[in-house]
């Protein structure tokens, strides 16, 4: 009997040692994506304008890295806060830690090289080598065109420096170990020509991170919606089904209807209505995506309609029950 206990003790000891070594490896050797590339981004007006379009209306970097006014529908960014950071994603919203969007104006990025910014955007590794939580969709950005990433960097360099020190992000256990396994090397691709509407639309959808929000986190079908997002008042909004299902998705939508669904928020007569706690609200940054040109929105429509239809009825909004 004593011999059996000794064997069990040795096995348990060995397992503990292996787990300890694994945790040490994950904590000290990861993430491992290589050094920042040695690049110098051209700060041309063309590059800056392209980056401005991507950062504000496609990749919507400014969605998280600015101050959003949640008293208005869809939480539009407050003018003059572009890039200042501070948006918080914490345990109250269902996250395994506290993650704070960094200041990405030259106030904070002034001492970063273009390569360090490039690596952070495309692989999820910060200047100091630490891993970023994938609320920042670097896995998507790592599939984009090198020229587009450089254009975004050029735009960030052109922003007004805003003196704003953001709080440091932190992960709860065991995410403080797991987070180091998320970053991976970029797999950059060339942007398809606009004439290839479906693949160009897929590229834009990847850049916009549509699948991330419109896929249920627990074994959800891609783009079928149902992913839930909590608001501080306790209400919950769920993402829509973007597959071409005729009953629960966008199968019956015409291309014109799809484009207009975005562009109504860009109309000069549109004003975001005030939203009180408990009333219908959305995480979808409509006023930002509304700035996409119609040709790009049409390509997104073409790509979404090339997907497999998935029947998935979604309850879009659930107010806090008293």
Protein backbone atom coordinates (compact mmCIF):
# COMPACT_ATOMS: atom_id res chain seq x y z
CA UNK A 1 0.00 0.00 0.00
CA UNK A 2 2.82 2.36 0.91
CA UNK A 3 4.50 1.57 -2.39
CA UNK A 4 1.30 2.47 -4.26
CA UNK A 5 1.07 5.79 -2.41
CA UNK A 6 4.70 6.51 -3.30
CA UNK A 7 4.03 5.82 -6.98
CA UNK A 8 0.98 8.09 -6.94
CA UNK A 9 3.01 10.78 -5.18
CA UNK A 10 5.79 10.51 -7.79
CA UNK A 11 3.24 10.74 -10.62
CA UNK A 12 1.55 13.77 -9.07
CA UNK A 13 4.93 15.37 -8.44
CA UNK A 14 5.92 14.77 -12.05
CA UNK A 15 2.67 16.28 -13.31
CA UNK A 16 3.14 19.35 -11.10
CA UNK A 17 6.70 19.79 -12.39
CA UNK A 18 5.56 19.47 -16.02
CA UNK A 19 2.75 21.99 -15.50
CA UNK A 20 5.14 24.36 -13.75
CA UNK A 21 7.65 24.09 -16.60
CA UNK A 22 4.88 24.64 -19.15
CA UNK A 23 3.66 27.76 -17.33
CA UNK A 24 7.22 29.09 -17.11
CA UNK A 25 7.66 28.51 -20.85
CA UNK A 26 4.37 30.22 -21.72
CA UNK A 27 5.11 33.16 -19.43
CA UNK A 28 8.75 33.70 -20.39
CA UNK A 29 9.16 32.42 -23.96
CA UNK A 30 5.86 33.49 -25.51
CA UNK A 31 4.66 35.33 -27.47
CA UNK A 32 7.15 34.46 -30.18
CA UNK A 33 6.47 36.28 -33.44
CA UNK A 34 9.90 37.65 -34.24
CA UNK A 35 11.35 41.13 -34.13
CA UNK A 36 9.52 44.17 -35.52
CA UNK A 37 10.13 44.65 -39.25
CA UNK A 38 12.62 47.31 -40.26
CA UNK A 39 10.30 49.62 -42.19
CA UNK A 40 9.81 53.34 -42.71
CA UNK A 41 6.29 54.34 -43.70
CA UNK A 42 5.84 57.04 -46.33
CA UNK A 43 3.81 59.92 -44.85
CA UNK A 44 2.30 60.94 -48.17
CA UNK A 45 -1.12 62.56 -48.39
CA UNK A 46 -2.34 59.54 -50.37
CA UNK A 47 -1.15 57.14 -47.67
CA UNK A 48 -2.67 59.23 -44.88
CA UNK A 49 -6.03 59.50 -46.64
CA UNK A 50 -6.16 55.76 -47.26
CA UNK A 51 -5.26 55.13 -43.64
CA UNK A 52 -7.89 57.60 -42.45
CA UNK A 53 -10.55 55.81 -44.48
CA UNK A 54 -9.54 52.39 -43.15
CA UNK A 55 -9.09 53.44 -39.51
CA UNK A 56 -12.39 55.32 -39.33
CA UNK A 57 -14.72 53.45 -41.66
CA UNK A 58 -13.48 49.90 -42.33
CA UNK A 59 -11.13 48.64 -39.63
CA UNK A 60 -12.72 51.23 -37.31
CA UNK A 61 -9.68 51.52 -35.06
CA UNK A 62 -11.22 54.71 -33.69
CA UNK A 63 -14.20 52.69 -32.47
CA UNK A 64 -12.20 51.55 -29.42
CA UNK A 65 -9.39 54.08 -29.38
CA UNK A 66 -11.59 57.17 -28.98
CA UNK A 67 -14.27 58.23 -26.52
CA UNK A 68 -17.71 56.97 -27.58
CA UNK A 69 -20.84 58.83 -26.49
CA UNK A 70 -23.11 56.07 -25.21
CA UNK A 71 -25.90 58.54 -24.49
CA UNK A 72 -26.49 58.47 -28.26
CA UNK A 73 -27.52 55.57 -30.48
CA UNK A 74 -24.58 53.37 -31.55
CA UNK A 75 -22.14 55.33 -29.36
CA UNK A 76 -20.59 57.63 -31.97
CA UNK A 77 -17.02 58.84 -31.27
CA UNK A 78 -16.77 62.24 -29.62
CA UNK A 79 -15.14 64.74 -31.99
CA UNK A 80 -11.62 65.63 -30.92
CA UNK A 81 -10.95 62.37 -29.06
CA UNK A 82 -9.74 60.38 -32.07
CA UNK A 83 -7.04 57.99 -30.92
CA UNK A 84 -6.87 59.06 -27.26
CA UNK A 85 -7.76 55.58 -26.01
CA UNK A 86 -9.39 54.67 -22.73
CA UNK A 87 -12.26 52.40 -23.83
CA UNK A 88 -12.47 49.65 -21.20
CA UNK A 89 -13.47 46.02 -21.58
CA UNK A 90 -13.59 44.40 -18.15
CA UNK A 91 -15.20 41.70 -16.03
CA UNK A 92 -18.50 43.59 -15.89
CA UNK A 93 -18.75 43.11 -19.64
CA UNK A 94 -17.80 39.44 -19.45
CA UNK A 95 -14.05 39.67 -20.15
CA UNK A 96 -11.39 37.62 -18.29
CA UNK A 97 -9.58 40.72 -17.09
CA UNK A 98 -9.46 44.45 -17.65
CA UNK A 99 -8.42 45.53 -21.13
CA UNK A 100 -7.98 49.20 -21.95
CA UNK A 101 -7.57 50.61 -25.44
CA UNK A 102 -4.25 52.42 -25.69
CA UNK A 103 -3.64 55.98 -26.76
CA UNK A 104 -2.61 55.62 -30.42
CA UNK A 105 -1.92 59.28 -31.12
CA UNK A 106 1.71 60.44 -31.46
CA UNK A 107 1.59 61.33 -27.74
CA UNK A 108 1.95 57.62 -26.97
CA UNK A 109 3.30 56.22 -30.25
CA UNK A 110 5.92 58.93 -30.74
CA UNK A 111 8.70 56.71 -29.39
CA UNK A 112 7.52 53.63 -31.31
CA UNK A 113 9.14 52.72 -34.61
CA UNK A 114 6.93 52.08 -37.62
CA UNK A 115 7.93 48.41 -37.38
CA UNK A 116 6.83 48.19 -33.73
CA UNK A 117 3.42 49.65 -34.61
CA UNK A 118 3.20 47.28 -37.60
CA UNK A 119 3.98 44.27 -35.39
CA UNK A 120 1.38 45.29 -32.79
CA UNK A 121 -1.36 45.73 -35.41
CA UNK A 122 -0.67 42.52 -37.31
CA UNK A 123 0.54 40.07 -34.64
CA UNK A 124 -0.71 41.36 -31.27
CA UNK A 125 2.69 41.99 -29.68
CA UNK A 126 3.30 45.39 -28.09
CA UNK A 127 6.49 47.45 -28.11
CA UNK A 128 7.69 45.81 -24.89
CA UNK A 129 7.05 42.29 -26.22
CA UNK A 130 3.88 41.68 -24.20
CA UNK A 131 0.78 40.09 -25.73
CA UNK A 132 -2.37 42.06 -26.55
CA UNK A 133 -5.77 40.57 -25.78
CA UNK A 134 -7.58 39.74 -29.06
CA UNK A 135 -10.41 42.19 -28.44
CA UNK A 136 -7.92 43.98 -30.68
CA UNK A 137 -8.54 41.96 -33.89
CA UNK A 138 -4.90 41.57 -34.85
CA UNK A 139 -5.58 38.09 -36.24
CA UNK A 140 -7.71 39.80 -38.89
CA UNK A 141 -5.28 42.64 -39.49
CA UNK A 142 -2.49 40.12 -39.97
CA UNK A 143 -4.30 38.90 -43.09
CA UNK A 144 -4.45 42.28 -44.79
CA UNK A 145 -2.28 43.97 -47.38
CA UNK A 146 1.04 45.37 -46.13
CA UNK A 147 0.29 48.63 -47.92
CA UNK A 148 -2.99 49.07 -46.04
CA UNK A 149 -1.33 48.51 -42.66
CA UNK A 150 1.33 51.05 -43.58
CA UNK A 151 -1.39 53.50 -44.61
CA UNK A 152 -3.01 53.16 -41.18
CA UNK A 153 0.36 53.82 -39.53
CA UNK A 154 0.80 56.93 -41.68
CA UNK A 155 -2.62 58.15 -40.55
CA UNK A 156 -1.84 57.49 -36.89
CA UNK A 157 1.35 59.53 -37.27
CA UNK A 158 -0.77 62.44 -38.58
CA UNK A 159 -3.17 62.52 -35.61
CA UNK A 160 -3.19 65.37 -33.14
CA UNK A 161 -1.15 64.27 -30.09
CA UNK A 162 -3.59 63.96 -27.17
CA UNK A 163 -2.12 63.96 -23.69
CA UNK A 164 -3.94 61.01 -22.17
CA UNK A 165 -2.30 58.31 -20.05
CA UNK A 166 -4.43 55.18 -20.23
CA UNK A 167 -4.70 52.56 -17.52
CA UNK A 168 -2.65 49.40 -17.99
CA UNK A 169 -4.50 46.29 -19.11
CA UNK A 170 -4.43 43.17 -16.94
CA UNK A 171 -5.65 39.58 -17.21
CA UNK A 172 -7.21 37.38 -14.54
CA UNK A 173 -5.85 33.87 -13.90
CA UNK A 174 -5.49 31.74 -16.01
CA UNK A 175 -5.84 34.25 -18.86
CA UNK A 176 -2.64 35.93 -17.66
CA UNK A 177 -0.87 32.83 -19.01
CA UNK A 178 -3.18 31.94 -21.90
CA UNK A 179 -2.95 35.42 -23.44
CA UNK A 180 0.67 34.76 -24.43
CA UNK A 181 -0.44 31.95 -26.76
CA UNK A 182 -2.71 34.20 -28.87
CA UNK A 183 -0.24 36.28 -30.93
CA UNK A 184 1.03 34.68 -34.12
CA UNK A 185 3.04 35.72 -37.13
CA UNK A 186 1.15 37.71 -39.73
CA UNK A 187 0.04 36.08 -42.97
CA UNK A 188 -0.28 39.18 -45.10
CA UNK A 189 -2.18 39.02 -48.38
CA UNK A 190 -2.54 41.32 -51.34
CA UNK A 191 -5.80 43.22 -51.52
CA UNK A 192 -7.93 41.69 -54.33
CA UNK A 193 -8.98 43.96 -57.21
CA UNK A 194 -12.40 45.57 -56.87
CA UNK A 195 -13.47 43.77 -60.03
CA UNK A 196 -13.30 40.52 -58.04
CA UNK A 197 -16.26 41.61 -55.92
CA UNK A 198 -16.65 38.51 -53.76
CA UNK A 199 -12.98 38.24 -52.76
CA UNK A 200 -12.67 42.00 -52.40
CA UNK A 201 -15.73 41.87 -50.14
CA UNK A 202 -14.14 39.08 -48.13
CA UNK A 203 -11.05 41.25 -47.68
CA UNK A 204 -13.17 44.14 -46.38
CA UNK A 205 -15.15 41.84 -44.09
CA UNK A 206 -11.87 40.56 -42.66
CA UNK A 207 -10.61 44.11 -42.15
CA UNK A 208 -13.88 45.13 -40.50
CA UNK A 209 -13.95 42.10 -38.21
CA UNK A 210 -17.56 41.30 -39.11
CA UNK A 211 -17.22 37.61 -38.28
CA UNK A 212 -15.82 38.32 -34.82
CA UNK A 213 -19.00 40.01 -33.64
CA UNK A 214 -21.50 38.18 -35.84
CA UNK A 215 -20.49 34.68 -34.74
CA UNK A 216 -21.74 33.22 -31.48
CA UNK A 217 -18.77 32.53 -29.26
CA UNK A 218 -19.85 29.07 -28.13
CA UNK A 219 -19.90 26.82 -31.22
CA UNK A 220 -21.66 29.41 -33.33
CA UNK A 221 -21.92 29.22 -37.12
CA UNK A 222 -19.76 31.87 -38.83
CA UNK A 223 -21.70 35.07 -39.53
CA UNK A 224 -24.97 33.56 -38.19
CA UNK A 225 -25.15 36.09 -35.35
CA UNK A 226 -26.19 35.56 -31.76
CA UNK A 227 -23.04 36.80 -30.05
CA UNK A 228 -24.13 38.73 -26.94
CA UNK A 229 -22.73 42.01 -25.66
CA UNK A 230 -23.51 43.40 -22.23
CA UNK A 231 -24.09 47.06 -21.46
CA UNK A 232 -23.29 48.62 -18.08
CA UNK A 233 -27.03 48.95 -17.35
CA UNK A 234 -27.38 45.15 -17.57
CA UNK A 235 -29.16 45.02 -20.91
CA UNK A 236 -27.86 42.72 -23.63
CA UNK A 237 -27.63 43.20 -27.39
CA UNK A 238 -27.03 40.30 -29.77
CA UNK A 239 -25.46 40.46 -33.23
CA UNK A 240 -27.58 39.88 -36.33
CA UNK A 241 -27.47 36.92 -38.69
CA UNK A 242 -25.50 38.03 -41.76
CA UNK A 243 -25.83 34.82 -43.75
CA UNK A 244 -28.15 34.79 -46.80
CA UNK A 245 -30.87 32.86 -44.98
CA UNK A 246 -34.28 34.02 -46.20
CA UNK A 247 -36.00 33.70 -42.82
CA UNK A 248 -33.48 34.92 -40.27
CA UNK A 249 -30.65 36.46 -42.26
CA UNK A 250 -30.20 38.86 -45.16
CA UNK A 251 -31.30 36.47 -47.92
CA UNK A 252 -34.22 38.68 -48.95
CA UNK A 253 -32.26 41.92 -48.80
CA UNK A 254 -31.46 43.62 -52.10
CA UNK A 255 -28.04 45.14 -52.58
CA UNK A 256 -29.62 48.59 -52.54
CA UNK A 257 -31.31 47.90 -49.21
CA UNK A 258 -28.04 46.67 -47.74
CA UNK A 259 -26.14 49.74 -48.88
CA UNK A 260 -28.88 52.08 -47.64
CA UNK A 261 -28.83 50.36 -44.22
CA UNK A 262 -25.36 51.82 -43.78
CA UNK A 263 -25.63 55.05 -45.68
CA UNK A 264 -28.66 56.42 -43.83
CA UNK A 265 -26.29 57.20 -40.96
CA UNK A 266 -24.12 59.26 -43.29
CA UNK A 267 -27.03 61.42 -44.46
CA UNK A 268 -26.54 65.06 -43.48
CA UNK A 269 -30.06 65.13 -42.02
CA UNK A 270 -29.46 62.17 -39.70
CA UNK A 271 -28.97 62.84 -36.00
CA UNK A 272 -28.21 60.08 -33.52
CA UNK A 273 -31.17 59.81 -31.12
CA UNK A 274 -30.62 59.95 -27.39
CA UNK A 275 -30.73 56.56 -25.67
CA UNK A 276 -31.61 56.20 -22.01
CA UNK A 277 -30.47 53.27 -19.83
CA UNK A 278 -32.61 50.23 -20.55
CA UNK A 279 -33.62 51.41 -24.04
CA UNK A 280 -32.49 49.69 -27.23
CA UNK A 281 -28.81 50.33 -27.90
CA UNK A 282 -26.21 48.69 -30.12
CA UNK A 283 -22.46 48.14 -30.11
CA UNK A 284 -22.46 48.38 -33.90
CA UNK A 285 -20.67 51.65 -34.79
CA UNK A 286 -23.12 52.56 -37.55
CA UNK A 287 -21.95 56.14 -37.98
CA UNK A 288 -18.40 54.94 -38.53
CA UNK A 289 -19.18 52.17 -41.03
CA UNK A 290 -21.54 54.60 -42.80
CA UNK A 291 -18.44 56.38 -44.08
CA UNK A 292 -17.57 53.42 -46.32
CA UNK A 293 -18.16 54.13 -49.96
CA UNK A 294 -21.10 52.39 -51.62
CA UNK A 295 -18.84 50.28 -53.83
CA UNK A 296 -17.16 48.74 -50.80
CA UNK A 297 -20.46 48.08 -49.03
CA UNK A 298 -21.75 46.44 -52.22
CA UNK A 299 -18.71 44.13 -52.28
CA UNK A 300 -19.39 43.15 -48.67
CA UNK A 301 -22.96 42.31 -49.69
CA UNK A 302 -21.68 40.15 -52.55
CA UNK A 303 -19.37 38.24 -50.23
CA UNK A 304 -22.03 37.70 -47.54
CA UNK A 305 -24.44 36.41 -50.18
CA UNK A 306 -21.83 33.87 -51.27
CA UNK A 307 -21.92 32.24 -47.82
CA UNK A 308 -23.93 29.20 -46.77
CA UNK A 309 -27.37 30.24 -45.47
CA UNK A 310 -27.80 29.46 -41.77
CA UNK A 311 -31.19 29.62 -40.11
CA UNK A 312 -30.63 31.28 -36.74
CA UNK A 313 -33.27 33.56 -35.25
CA UNK A 314 -31.67 36.16 -32.97
CA UNK A 315 -33.27 38.15 -30.16
CA UNK A 316 -31.52 41.43 -30.83
CA UNK A 317 -32.05 43.19 -27.52
CA UNK A 318 -32.90 42.07 -24.00
CA UNK A 319 -33.40 44.87 -21.47
CA UNK A 320 -32.46 44.38 -17.83
CA UNK A 321 -35.27 42.61 -16.05
CA UNK A 322 -36.30 44.29 -12.83
